[in-house]
Amino acid sequence: MKKEKEMTIGEVTRNVLKEIRDAIFDSISFDNKPEIPDHLKYGMMEKPPKRARTKGRYRADDKSTKDVNEAWVGGKAPKKKKRKK
């Protein structure tokens, strides 16, 4: 008998929220389904944005390409957080 991997409370919560979200979206019928925002599509940011690397060093952004940020995997930089003074 295989022993199942024990899940943390966070993992259980994420799985339950995914099931609820999927059930809600499945129950709503749209003629043209709206695009699901990334934070819902990827389960409340399961995978944080990663910096692109070359040989262990961070890759720089090429300023000549305005629509793609080469410094981040996926081509989009995360939004900057405001700091309290």
C-alpha atoms as a PDB file:
ATOM      1  CA  MET A   1       0.000   0.000   0.000  1.00  0.00           C
ATOM      2  CA  LYS A   2       1.336   3.400  -0.950  1.00  0.00           C
ATOM      3  CA  LYS A   3       1.322   6.076   1.658  1.00  0.00           C
ATOM      4  CA  GLU A   4      -0.137   9.322   0.346  1.00  0.00           C
ATOM      5  CA  LYS A   5       1.900  12.481   0.646  1.00  0.00           C
ATOM      6  CA  GLU A   6       0.594  14.655   3.457  1.00  0.00           C
ATOM      7  CA  MET A   7      -0.467  18.083   2.277  1.00  0.00           C
ATOM      8  CA  THR A   8       0.018  21.311   4.159  1.00  0.00           C
ATOM      9  CA  ILE A   9      -2.919  23.525   5.107  1.00  0.00           C
ATOM     10  CA  GLY A  10      -1.927  25.966   2.366  1.00  0.00           C
ATOM     11  CA  GLU A  11      -1.948  23.251  -0.301  1.00  0.00           C
ATOM     12  CA  VAL A  12      -5.330  21.952   0.860  1.00  0.00           C
ATOM     13  CA  THR A  13      -6.750  25.492   0.850  1.00  0.00           C
ATOM     14  CA  ARG A  14      -5.382  26.190  -2.653  1.00  0.00           C
ATOM     15  CA  ASN A  15      -6.873  22.939  -3.992  1.00  0.00           C
ATOM     16  CA  VAL A  16     -10.285  23.690  -2.472  1.00  0.00           C
ATOM     17  CA  LEU A  17     -10.250  27.229  -3.887  1.00  0.00           C
ATOM     18  CA  LYS A  18      -9.304  25.870  -7.336  1.00  0.00           C
ATOM     19  CA  GLU A  19     -12.206  23.416  -7.254  1.00  0.00           C
ATOM     20  CA  ILE A  20     -14.640  26.153  -6.204  1.00  0.00           C
ATOM     21  CA  ARG A  21     -13.326  28.524  -8.884  1.00  0.00           C
ATOM     22  CA  ASP A  22     -13.590  25.838 -11.573  1.00  0.00           C
ATOM     23  CA  ALA A  23     -17.133  24.950 -10.485  1.00  0.00           C
ATOM     24  CA  ILE A  24     -18.196  28.602 -10.626  1.00  0.00           C
ATOM     25  CA  PHE A  25     -16.692  29.172 -14.063  1.00  0.00           C
ATOM     26  CA  ASP A  26     -18.183  25.904 -15.353  1.00  0.00           C
ATOM     27  CA  SER A  27     -21.653  26.834 -14.100  1.00  0.00           C
ATOM     28  CA  ILE A  28     -21.623  30.221 -15.850  1.00  0.00           C
ATOM     29  CA  SER A  29     -22.342  29.968 -19.548  1.00  0.00           C
ATOM     30  CA  PHE A  30     -20.957  32.686 -21.782  1.00  0.00           C
ATOM     31  CA  ASP A  31     -21.273  33.009 -25.517  1.00  0.00           C
ATOM     32  CA  ASN A  32     -17.786  34.464 -25.589  1.00  0.00           C
ATOM     33  CA  LYS A  33     -15.876  33.313 -22.543  1.00  0.00           C
ATOM     34  CA  PRO A  34     -13.982  36.200 -20.957  1.00  0.00           C
ATOM     35  CA  GLU A  35     -10.253  35.943 -20.502  1.00  0.00           C
ATOM     36  CA  ILE A  36      -9.459  34.723 -17.013  1.00  0.00           C
ATOM     37  CA  PRO A  37      -6.990  36.980 -15.182  1.00  0.00           C
ATOM     38  CA  ASP A  38      -3.558  35.506 -14.488  1.00  0.00           C
ATOM     39  CA  HIS A  39      -3.977  35.566 -10.704  1.00  0.00           C
ATOM     40  CA  LEU A  40      -7.071  33.343 -11.046  1.00  0.00           C
ATOM     41  CA  LYS A  41      -5.685  31.212 -13.857  1.00  0.00           C
ATOM     42  CA  TYR A  42      -2.559  30.252 -11.933  1.00  0.00           C
ATOM     43  CA  GLY A  43      -4.196  29.757  -8.559  1.00  0.00           C
ATOM     44  CA  MET A  44      -3.460  32.988  -6.730  1.00  0.00           C
ATOM     45  CA  MET A  45       0.120  33.287  -7.982  1.00  0.00           C
ATOM     46  CA  GLU A  46       1.410  29.797  -7.250  1.00  0.00           C
ATOM     47  CA  LYS A  47       4.495  30.500  -9.306  1.00  0.00           C
ATOM     48  CA  PRO A  48       6.134  33.826  -8.510  1.00  0.00           C
ATOM     49  CA  PRO A  49       7.815  35.642 -11.406  1.00  0.00           C
ATOM     50  CA  LYS A  50      11.397  34.546 -12.026  1.00  0.00           C
ATOM     51  CA  ARG A  51      14.356  36.508 -13.287  1.00  0.00           C
ATOM     52  CA  ALA A  52      15.892  35.247 -16.512  1.00  0.00           C
ATOM     53  CA  ARG A  53      19.454  33.982 -16.180  1.00  0.00           C
ATOM     54  CA  THR A  54      22.425  33.314 -18.415  1.00  0.00           C
ATOM     55  CA  LYS A  55      25.178  31.154 -16.935  1.00  0.00           C
ATOM     56  CA  GLY A  56      24.020  31.921 -13.405  1.00  0.00           C
ATOM     57  CA  ARG A  57      23.901  35.694 -13.872  1.00  0.00           C
ATOM     58  CA  TYR A  58      20.808  37.803 -14.304  1.00  0.00           C
ATOM     59  CA  ARG A  59      19.938  38.707 -17.876  1.00  0.00           C
ATOM     60  CA  ALA A  60      19.470  42.378 -18.729  1.00  0.00           C
ATOM     61  CA  ASP A  61      16.472  43.849 -20.513  1.00  0.00           C
ATOM     62  CA  ASP A  62      16.965  44.894 -24.138  1.00  0.00           C
ATOM     63  CA  LYS A  63      15.622  48.466 -24.266  1.00  0.00           C
ATOM     64  CA  SER A  64      15.080  48.294 -28.053  1.00  0.00           C
ATOM     65  CA  THR A  65      12.147  45.887 -27.590  1.00  0.00           C
ATOM     66  CA  LYS A  66       9.376  47.821 -25.841  1.00  0.00           C
ATOM     67  CA  ASP A  67       6.786  45.009 -25.649  1.00  0.00           C
ATOM     68  CA  VAL A  68       9.023  42.260 -24.184  1.00  0.00           C
ATOM     69  CA  ASN A  69      11.145  42.359 -21.037  1.00  0.00           C
ATOM     70  CA  GLU A  70      13.981  39.882 -21.510  1.00  0.00           C
ATOM     71  CA  ALA A  71      15.048  40.215 -17.877  1.00  0.00           C
ATOM     72  CA  TRP A  72      12.041  38.159 -16.714  1.00  0.00           C
ATOM     73  CA  VAL A  73      10.921  34.647 -17.680  1.00  0.00           C
ATOM     74  CA  GLY A  74       7.711  35.033 -19.681  1.00  0.00           C
ATOM     75  CA  GLY A  75       8.590  38.543 -20.852  1.00  0.00           C
ATOM     76  CA  LYS A  76       6.663  40.519 -18.216  1.00  0.00           C
ATOM     77  CA  ALA A  77       8.103  42.130 -15.105  1.00  0.00           C
ATOM     78  CA  PRO A  78       6.053  42.020 -11.900  1.00  0.00           C
ATOM     79  CA  LYS A  79       4.411  45.215 -10.738  1.00  0.00           C
ATOM     80  CA  LYS A  80       6.429  47.212  -8.236  1.00  0.00           C
ATOM     81  CA  LYS A  81       5.046  47.411  -4.720  1.00  0.00           C
ATOM     82  CA  LYS A  82       4.626  50.773  -3.051  1.00  0.00           C
ATOM     83  CA  ARG A  83       6.694  51.279   0.055  1.00  0.00           C
ATOM     84  CA  LYS A  84       5.463  53.036   3.152  1.00  0.00           C
ATOM     85  CA  LYS A  85       7.573  55.943   4.311  1.00  0.00           C
END
